[in-house]
Amino acid sequence: MLESCPGAIGVKGAPTIKIKVCPECGKNIEIFSNITKNPCTNCGFIVYNDSMSCVKWCRYAKECVGEELYNQITGIGE
């Protein structure tokens, strides 16, 4: 993996957390920067991580964040 890409700060290393509101029931849902989706614990609605990531367009992304995280973010293997 590459060591110093500034675009991958929120993707690799310590994940950041966002709180989103479930559009179905209004409950707060925690979603980490290193996951693509998370179900609401109240109603099961799937909330997606909509933060833009360089992983989706950078040609070095797989090398930078590693194959497993790359596949998860890009949806490969789902």
PDB file of N, CA and C in Angstrom:
ATOM      1  N   MET A   1       0.833  -1.187   0.000  1.00  0.00           N
ATOM      2  CA  MET A   1       0.000   0.000   0.000  1.00  0.00           C
ATOM      3  C   MET A   1       0.876   1.248   0.000  1.00  0.00           C
ATOM      4  N   LEU A   2       0.381   2.293  -0.614  1.00  0.00           N
ATOM      5  CA  LEU A   2       1.074   3.570  -0.592  1.00  0.00           C
ATOM      6  C   LEU A   2       0.938   4.177   0.802  1.00  0.00           C
ATOM      7  N   GLU A   3       1.877   5.013   1.184  1.00  0.00           N
ATOM      8  CA  GLU A   3       1.887   5.546   2.540  1.00  0.00           C
ATOM      9  C   GLU A   3       1.352   6.973   2.680  1.00  0.00           C
ATOM     10  N   SER A   4       1.380   7.792   1.628  1.00  0.00           N
ATOM     11  CA  SER A   4       1.136   9.208   1.875  1.00  0.00           C
ATOM     12  C   SER A   4       0.121   9.875   0.947  1.00  0.00           C
ATOM     13  N   CYS A   5      -0.906   9.204   0.554  1.00  0.00           N
ATOM     14  CA  CYS A   5      -1.916   9.833  -0.299  1.00  0.00           C
ATOM     15  C   CYS A   5      -2.869  10.656   0.560  1.00  0.00           C
ATOM     16  N   PRO A   6      -2.933  11.975   0.365  1.00  0.00           N
ATOM     17  CA  PRO A   6      -3.815  12.803   1.200  1.00  0.00           C
ATOM     18  C   PRO A   6      -5.295  12.562   0.917  1.00  0.00           C
ATOM     19  N   GLY A   7      -5.639  12.051  -0.251  1.00  0.00           N
ATOM     20  CA  GLY A   7      -7.041  11.809  -0.587  1.00  0.00           C
ATOM     21  C   GLY A   7      -7.641  10.633   0.141  1.00  0.00           C
ATOM     22  N   ALA A   8      -6.823   9.753   0.681  1.00  0.00           N
ATOM     23  CA  ALA A   8      -7.328   8.546   1.332  1.00  0.00           C
ATOM     24  C   ALA A   8      -7.347   8.654   2.848  1.00  0.00           C
ATOM     25  N   ILE A   9      -7.195   9.846   3.379  1.00  0.00           N
ATOM     26  CA  ILE A   9      -7.141  10.023   4.832  1.00  0.00           C
ATOM     27  C   ILE A   9      -8.385   9.465   5.525  1.00  0.00           C
ATOM     28  N   GLY A  10      -9.563   9.718   4.990  1.00  0.00           N
ATOM     29  CA  GLY A  10     -10.784   9.218   5.610  1.00  0.00           C
ATOM     30  C   GLY A  10     -11.091   7.776   5.284  1.00  0.00           C
ATOM     31  N   VAL A  11     -10.314   7.165   4.398  1.00  0.00           N
ATOM     32  CA  VAL A  11     -10.593   5.804   3.956  1.00  0.00           C
ATOM     33  C   VAL A  11      -9.696   4.799   4.643  1.00  0.00           C
ATOM     34  N   LYS A  12      -8.397   5.077   4.670  1.00  0.00           N
ATOM     35  CA  LYS A  12      -7.493   4.135   5.335  1.00  0.00           C
ATOM     36  C   LYS A  12      -7.017   4.759   6.638  1.00  0.00           C
ATOM     37  N   GLY A  13      -6.501   3.949   7.493  1.00  0.00           N
ATOM     38  CA  GLY A  13      -6.129   4.439   8.817  1.00  0.00           C
ATOM     39  C   GLY A  13      -7.334   4.396   9.736  1.00  0.00           C
ATOM     40  N   ALA A  14      -7.357   5.260  10.707  1.00  0.00           N
ATOM     41  CA  ALA A  14      -8.476   5.290  11.651  1.00  0.00           C
ATOM     42  C   ALA A  14      -9.727   5.813  10.948  1.00  0.00           C
ATOM     43  N   PRO A  15     -10.802   5.032  10.946  1.00  0.00           N
ATOM     44  CA  PRO A  15     -12.019   5.490  10.270  1.00  0.00           C
ATOM     45  C   PRO A  15     -12.678   6.644  11.015  1.00  0.00           C
ATOM     46  N   THR A  16     -13.366   7.465  10.258  1.00  0.00           N
ATOM     47  CA  THR A  16     -14.152   8.542  10.845  1.00  0.00           C
ATOM     48  C   THR A  16     -15.603   8.069  10.909  1.00  0.00           C
ATOM     49  N   ILE A  17     -16.409   8.742  11.690  1.00  0.00           N
ATOM     50  CA  ILE A  17     -17.801   8.343  11.849  1.00  0.00           C
ATOM     51  C   ILE A  17     -18.725   9.509  11.511  1.00  0.00           C
ATOM     52  N   LYS A  18     -19.830   9.184  10.856  1.00  0.00           N
ATOM     53  CA  LYS A  18     -20.875  10.153  10.565  1.00  0.00           C
ATOM     54  C   LYS A  18     -22.158   9.641  11.195  1.00  0.00           C
ATOM     55  N   ILE A  19     -22.977  10.550  11.607  1.00  0.00           N
ATOM     56  CA  ILE A  19     -24.304  10.199  12.090  1.00  0.00           C
ATOM     57  C   ILE A  19     -25.292  10.629  11.004  1.00  0.00           C
ATOM     58  N   LYS A  20     -26.075   9.673  10.529  1.00  0.00           N
ATOM     59  CA  LYS A  20     -27.101   9.962   9.532  1.00  0.00           C
ATOM     60  C   LYS A  20     -28.451   9.672  10.153  1.00  0.00           C
ATOM     61  N   VAL A  21     -29.476  10.265   9.619  1.00  0.00           N
ATOM     62  CA  VAL A  21     -30.831  10.032  10.088  1.00  0.00           C
ATOM     63  C   VAL A  21     -31.512   9.081   9.112  1.00  0.00           C
ATOM     64  N   CYS A  22     -32.086   8.029   9.645  1.00  0.00           N
ATOM     65  CA  CYS A  22     -32.791   7.057   8.816  1.00  0.00           C
ATOM     66  C   CYS A  22     -34.003   7.743   8.177  1.00  0.00           C
ATOM     67  N   PRO A  23     -34.129   7.686   6.858  1.00  0.00           N
ATOM     68  CA  PRO A  23     -35.264   8.335   6.202  1.00  0.00           C
ATOM     69  C   PRO A  23     -36.594   7.604   6.433  1.00  0.00           C
ATOM     70  N   GLU A  24     -36.524   6.383   6.922  1.00  0.00           N
ATOM     71  CA  GLU A  24     -37.746   5.613   7.176  1.00  0.00           C
ATOM     72  C   GLU A  24     -38.320   5.863   8.567  1.00  0.00           C
ATOM     73  N   CYS A  25     -37.462   5.847   9.611  1.00  0.00           N
ATOM     74  CA  CYS A  25     -37.979   5.926  10.979  1.00  0.00           C
ATOM     75  C   CYS A  25     -37.427   7.091  11.787  1.00  0.00           C
ATOM     76  N   GLY A  26     -36.409   7.789  11.275  1.00  0.00           N
ATOM     77  CA  GLY A  26     -35.869   8.955  11.959  1.00  0.00           C
ATOM     78  C   GLY A  26     -34.802   8.658  13.003  1.00  0.00           C
ATOM     79  N   LYS A  27     -34.436   7.397  13.192  1.00  0.00           N
ATOM     80  CA  LYS A  27     -33.403   7.030  14.175  1.00  0.00           C
ATOM     81  C   LYS A  27     -32.021   7.416  13.650  1.00  0.00           C
ATOM     82  N   ASN A  28     -31.122   7.811  14.546  1.00  0.00           N
ATOM     83  CA  ASN A  28     -29.739   8.094  14.165  1.00  0.00           C
ATOM     84  C   ASN A  28     -29.011   6.794  13.847  1.00  0.00           C
ATOM     85  N   ILE A  29     -28.231   6.821  12.777  1.00  0.00           N
ATOM     86  CA  ILE A  29     -27.460   5.662  12.338  1.00  0.00           C
ATOM     87  C   ILE A  29     -26.004   6.078  12.235  1.00  0.00           C
ATOM     88  N   GLU A  30     -25.115   5.314  12.883  1.00  0.00           N
ATOM     89  CA  GLU A  30     -23.684   5.568  12.771  1.00  0.00           C
ATOM     90  C   GLU A  30     -23.175   4.876  11.517  1.00  0.00           C
ATOM     91  N   ILE A  31     -22.406   5.605  10.714  1.00  0.00           N
ATOM     92  CA  ILE A  31     -21.798   4.987   9.536  1.00  0.00           C
ATOM     93  C   ILE A  31     -20.333   5.410   9.486  1.00  0.00           C
ATOM     94  N   PHE A  32     -19.455   4.426   9.447  1.00  0.00           N
ATOM     95  CA  PHE A  32     -18.018   4.672   9.441  1.00  0.00           C
ATOM     96  C   PHE A  32     -17.514   4.882   8.021  1.00  0.00           C
ATOM     97  N   SER A  33     -16.437   5.633   7.885  1.00  0.00           N
ATOM     98  CA  SER A  33     -15.894   5.969   6.567  1.00  0.00           C
ATOM     99  C   SER A  33     -15.362   4.766   5.805  1.00  0.00           C
ATOM    100  N   ASN A  34     -15.090   3.672   6.492  1.00  0.00           N
ATOM    101  CA  ASN A  34     -14.523   2.506   5.817  1.00  0.00           C
ATOM    102  C   ASN A  34     -15.558   1.427   5.501  1.00  0.00           C
ATOM    103  N   ILE A  35     -16.846   1.760   5.599  1.00  0.00           N
ATOM    104  CA  ILE A  35     -17.888   0.828   5.174  1.00  0.00           C
ATOM    105  C   ILE A  35     -18.783   1.517   4.159  1.00  0.00           C
ATOM    106  N   THR A  36     -19.424   0.735   3.317  1.00  0.00           N
ATOM    107  CA  THR A  36     -20.242   1.312   2.258  1.00  0.00           C
ATOM    108  C   THR A  36     -21.705   1.438   2.634  1.00  0.00           C
ATOM    109  N   LYS A  37     -22.184   0.595   3.560  1.00  0.00           N
ATOM    110  CA  LYS A  37     -23.595   0.668   3.941  1.00  0.00           C
ATOM    111  C   LYS A  37     -23.772   0.116   5.349  1.00  0.00           C
ATOM    112  N   ASN A  38     -24.872   0.516   5.977  1.00  0.00           N
ATOM    113  CA  ASN A  38     -25.162   0.081   7.332  1.00  0.00           C
ATOM    114  C   ASN A  38     -26.683   0.048   7.511  1.00  0.00           C
ATOM    115  N   PRO A  39     -27.225  -1.043   8.073  1.00  0.00           N
ATOM    116  CA  PRO A  39     -28.671  -1.080   8.289  1.00  0.00           C
ATOM    117  C   PRO A  39     -29.068  -0.313   9.556  1.00  0.00           C
ATOM    118  N   CYS A  40     -30.243   0.263   9.523  1.00  0.00           N
ATOM    119  CA  CYS A  40     -30.803   0.914  10.703  1.00  0.00           C
ATOM    120  C   CYS A  40     -31.139  -0.174  11.715  1.00  0.00           C
ATOM    121  N   THR A  41     -30.722   0.023  12.960  1.00  0.00           N
ATOM    122  CA  THR A  41     -30.989  -0.978  13.985  1.00  0.00           C
ATOM    123  C   THR A  41     -32.450  -0.975  14.419  1.00  0.00           C
ATOM    124  N   ASN A  42     -33.189   0.056  14.050  1.00  0.00           N
ATOM    125  CA  ASN A  42     -34.592   0.141  14.428  1.00  0.00           C
ATOM    126  C   ASN A  42     -35.515  -0.495  13.388  1.00  0.00           C
ATOM    127  N   CYS A  43     -35.315  -0.160  12.094  1.00  0.00           N
ATOM    128  CA  CYS A  43     -36.251  -0.632  11.070  1.00  0.00           C
ATOM    129  C   CYS A  43     -35.601  -1.475   9.978  1.00  0.00           C
ATOM    130  N   GLY A  44     -34.259  -1.521   9.936  1.00  0.00           N
ATOM    131  CA  GLY A  44     -33.565  -2.333   8.937  1.00  0.00           C
ATOM    132  C   GLY A  44     -33.282  -1.641   7.620  1.00  0.00           C
ATOM    133  N   PHE A  45     -33.728  -0.392   7.454  1.00  0.00           N
ATOM    134  CA  PHE A  45     -33.463   0.350   6.226  1.00  0.00           C
ATOM    135  C   PHE A  45     -31.957   0.466   6.013  1.00  0.00           C
ATOM    136  N   ILE A  46     -31.487   0.221   4.796  1.00  0.00           N
ATOM    137  CA  ILE A  46     -30.055   0.295   4.494  1.00  0.00           C
ATOM    138  C   ILE A  46     -29.679   1.734   4.149  1.00  0.00           C
ATOM    139  N   VAL A  47     -28.740   2.286   4.904  1.00  0.00           N
ATOM    140  CA  VAL A  47     -28.216   3.629   4.654  1.00  0.00           C
ATOM    141  C   VAL A  47     -26.838   3.464   4.036  1.00  0.00           C
ATOM    142  N   TYR A  48     -26.584   4.197   2.951  1.00  0.00           N
ATOM    143  CA  TYR A  48     -25.312   4.113   2.239  1.00  0.00           C
ATOM    144  C   TYR A  48     -24.410   5.270   2.604  1.00  0.00           C
ATOM    145  N   ASN A  49     -23.129   4.991   2.602  1.00  0.00           N
ATOM    146  CA  ASN A  49     -22.116   6.008   2.845  1.00  0.00           C
ATOM    147  C   ASN A  49     -21.954   6.790   1.555  1.00  0.00           C
ATOM    148  N   ASP A  50     -22.396   8.020   1.540  1.00  0.00           N
ATOM    149  CA  ASP A  50     -22.376   8.821   0.318  1.00  0.00           C
ATOM    150  C   ASP A  50     -21.171   9.753   0.222  1.00  0.00           C
ATOM    151  N   SER A  51     -20.214   9.596   1.115  1.00  0.00           N
ATOM    152  CA  SER A  51     -19.047  10.467   1.036  1.00  0.00           C
ATOM    153  C   SER A  51     -18.237  10.123  -0.210  1.00  0.00           C
ATOM    154  N   MET A  52     -17.819  11.138  -0.916  1.00  0.00           N
ATOM    155  CA  MET A  52     -17.037  10.932  -2.132  1.00  0.00           C
ATOM    156  C   MET A  52     -15.645  10.456  -1.747  1.00  0.00           C
ATOM    157  N   SER A  53     -15.196   9.471  -2.429  1.00  0.00           N
ATOM    158  CA  SER A  53     -13.891   8.910  -2.133  1.00  0.00           C
ATOM    159  C   SER A  53     -13.070   8.830  -3.413  1.00  0.00           C
ATOM    160  N   CYS A  54     -11.807   9.132  -3.303  1.00  0.00           N
ATOM    161  CA  CYS A  54     -10.912   9.029  -4.446  1.00  0.00           C
ATOM    162  C   CYS A  54     -10.783   7.579  -4.909  1.00  0.00           C
ATOM    163  N   VAL A  55     -11.161   6.644  -4.050  1.00  0.00           N
ATOM    164  CA  VAL A  55     -11.062   5.224  -4.394  1.00  0.00           C
ATOM    165  C   VAL A  55     -11.891   4.918  -5.636  1.00  0.00           C
ATOM    166  N   LYS A  56     -12.950   5.654  -5.850  1.00  0.00           N
ATOM    167  CA  LYS A  56     -13.828   5.385  -6.987  1.00  0.00           C
ATOM    168  C   LYS A  56     -13.253   5.857  -8.321  1.00  0.00           C
ATOM    169  N   TRP A  57     -12.267   6.753  -8.298  1.00  0.00           N
ATOM    170  CA  TRP A  57     -11.748   7.248  -9.573  1.00  0.00           C
ATOM    171  C   TRP A  57     -10.231   7.193  -9.733  1.00  0.00           C
ATOM    172  N   CYS A  58      -9.489   7.053  -8.660  1.00  0.00           N
ATOM    173  CA  CYS A  58      -8.028   7.093  -8.754  1.00  0.00           C
ATOM    174  C   CYS A  58      -7.461   5.777  -9.281  1.00  0.00           C
ATOM    175  N   ARG A  59      -6.578   5.845 -10.243  1.00  0.00           N
ATOM    176  CA  ARG A  59      -6.015   4.618 -10.823  1.00  0.00           C
ATOM    177  C   ARG A  59      -5.063   3.895  -9.868  1.00  0.00           C
ATOM    178  N   TYR A  60      -4.641   4.550  -8.800  1.00  0.00           N
ATOM    179  CA  TYR A  60      -3.759   3.927  -7.813  1.00  0.00           C
ATOM    180  C   TYR A  60      -4.524   3.453  -6.571  1.00  0.00           C
ATOM    181  N   ALA A  61      -5.822   3.541  -6.586  1.00  0.00           N
ATOM    182  CA  ALA A  61      -6.633   3.280  -5.387  1.00  0.00           C
ATOM    183  C   ALA A  61      -6.417   1.885  -4.813  1.00  0.00           C
ATOM    184  N   LYS A  62      -6.404   0.869  -5.656  1.00  0.00           N
ATOM    185  CA  LYS A  62      -6.261  -0.490  -5.140  1.00  0.00           C
ATOM    186  C   LYS A  62      -4.928  -0.652  -4.419  1.00  0.00           C
ATOM    187  N   GLU A  63      -3.886  -0.073  -4.964  1.00  0.00           N
ATOM    188  CA  GLU A  63      -2.565  -0.127  -4.336  1.00  0.00           C
ATOM    189  C   GLU A  63      -2.538   0.704  -3.051  1.00  0.00           C
ATOM    190  N   CYS A  64      -3.251   1.796  -3.045  1.00  0.00           N
ATOM    191  CA  CYS A  64      -3.236   2.720  -1.917  1.00  0.00           C
ATOM    192  C   CYS A  64      -3.965   2.166  -0.694  1.00  0.00           C
ATOM    193  N   VAL A  65      -5.194   1.681  -0.879  1.00  0.00           N
ATOM    194  CA  VAL A  65      -5.997   1.253   0.267  1.00  0.00           C
ATOM    195  C   VAL A  65      -6.011  -0.254   0.473  1.00  0.00           C
ATOM    196  N   GLY A  66      -5.467  -1.002  -0.471  1.00  0.00           N
ATOM    197  CA  GLY A  66      -5.466  -2.461  -0.372  1.00  0.00           C
ATOM    198  C   GLY A  66      -6.660  -3.060  -1.101  1.00  0.00           C
ATOM    199  N   GLU A  67      -6.498  -4.262  -1.579  1.00  0.00           N
ATOM    200  CA  GLU A  67      -7.512  -4.891  -2.425  1.00  0.00           C
ATOM    201  C   GLU A  67      -8.843  -5.117  -1.695  1.00  0.00           C
ATOM    202  N   GLU A  68      -8.796  -5.552  -0.441  1.00  0.00           N
ATOM    203  CA  GLU A  68     -10.040  -5.847   0.287  1.00  0.00           C
ATOM    204  C   GLU A  68     -10.905  -4.595   0.463  1.00  0.00           C
ATOM    205  N   LEU A  69     -10.314  -3.503   0.942  1.00  0.00           N
ATOM    206  CA  LEU A  69     -11.063  -2.266   1.125  1.00  0.00           C
ATOM    207  C   LEU A  69     -11.486  -1.684  -0.225  1.00  0.00           C
ATOM    208  N   TYR A  70     -10.622  -1.785  -1.222  1.00  0.00           N
ATOM    209  CA  TYR A  70     -10.965  -1.316  -2.570  1.00  0.00           C
ATOM    210  C   TYR A  70     -12.211  -2.024  -3.088  1.00  0.00           C
ATOM    211  N   ASN A  71     -12.244  -3.358  -2.946  1.00  0.00           N
ATOM    212  CA  ASN A  71     -13.377  -4.142  -3.418  1.00  0.00           C
ATOM    213  C   ASN A  71     -14.651  -3.776  -2.660  1.00  0.00           C
ATOM    214  N   GLN A  72     -14.535  -3.523  -1.364  1.00  0.00           N
ATOM    215  CA  GLN A  72     -15.700  -3.162  -0.563  1.00  0.00           C
ATOM    216  C   GLN A  72     -16.254  -1.811  -0.989  1.00  0.00           C
ATOM    217  N   ILE A  73     -15.399  -0.832  -1.174  1.00  0.00           N
ATOM    218  CA  ILE A  73     -15.840   0.512  -1.524  1.00  0.00           C
ATOM    219  C   ILE A  73     -16.419   0.564  -2.931  1.00  0.00           C
ATOM    220  N   THR A  74     -15.824  -0.149  -3.859  1.00  0.00           N
ATOM    221  CA  THR A  74     -16.292  -0.105  -5.238  1.00  0.00           C
ATOM    222  C   THR A  74     -17.428  -1.074  -5.506  1.00  0.00           C
ATOM    223  N   GLY A  75     -17.756  -1.922  -4.538  1.00  0.00           N
ATOM    224  CA  GLY A  75     -18.863  -2.851  -4.714  1.00  0.00           C
ATOM    225  C   GLY A  75     -18.503  -4.133  -5.433  1.00  0.00           C
ATOM    226  N   ILE A  76     -17.229  -4.368  -5.676  1.00  0.00           N
ATOM    227  CA  ILE A  76     -16.806  -5.586  -6.346  1.00  0.00           C
ATOM    228  C   ILE A  76     -17.012  -6.762  -5.399  1.00  0.00           C
ATOM    229  N   GLY A  77     -17.639  -7.795  -5.887  1.00  0.00           N
ATOM    230  CA  GLY A  77     -17.856  -8.994  -5.093  1.00  0.00           C
ATOM    231  C   GLY A  77     -19.154  -8.995  -4.302  1.00  0.00           C
ATOM    232  N   GLU A  78     -19.998  -7.983  -4.496  1.00  0.00           N
ATOM    233  CA  GLU A  78     -21.293  -7.964  -3.788  1.00  0.00           C
ATOM    234  C   GLU A  78     -22.342  -8.690  -4.582  1.00  0.00           C
TER     235      GLU A  78
END
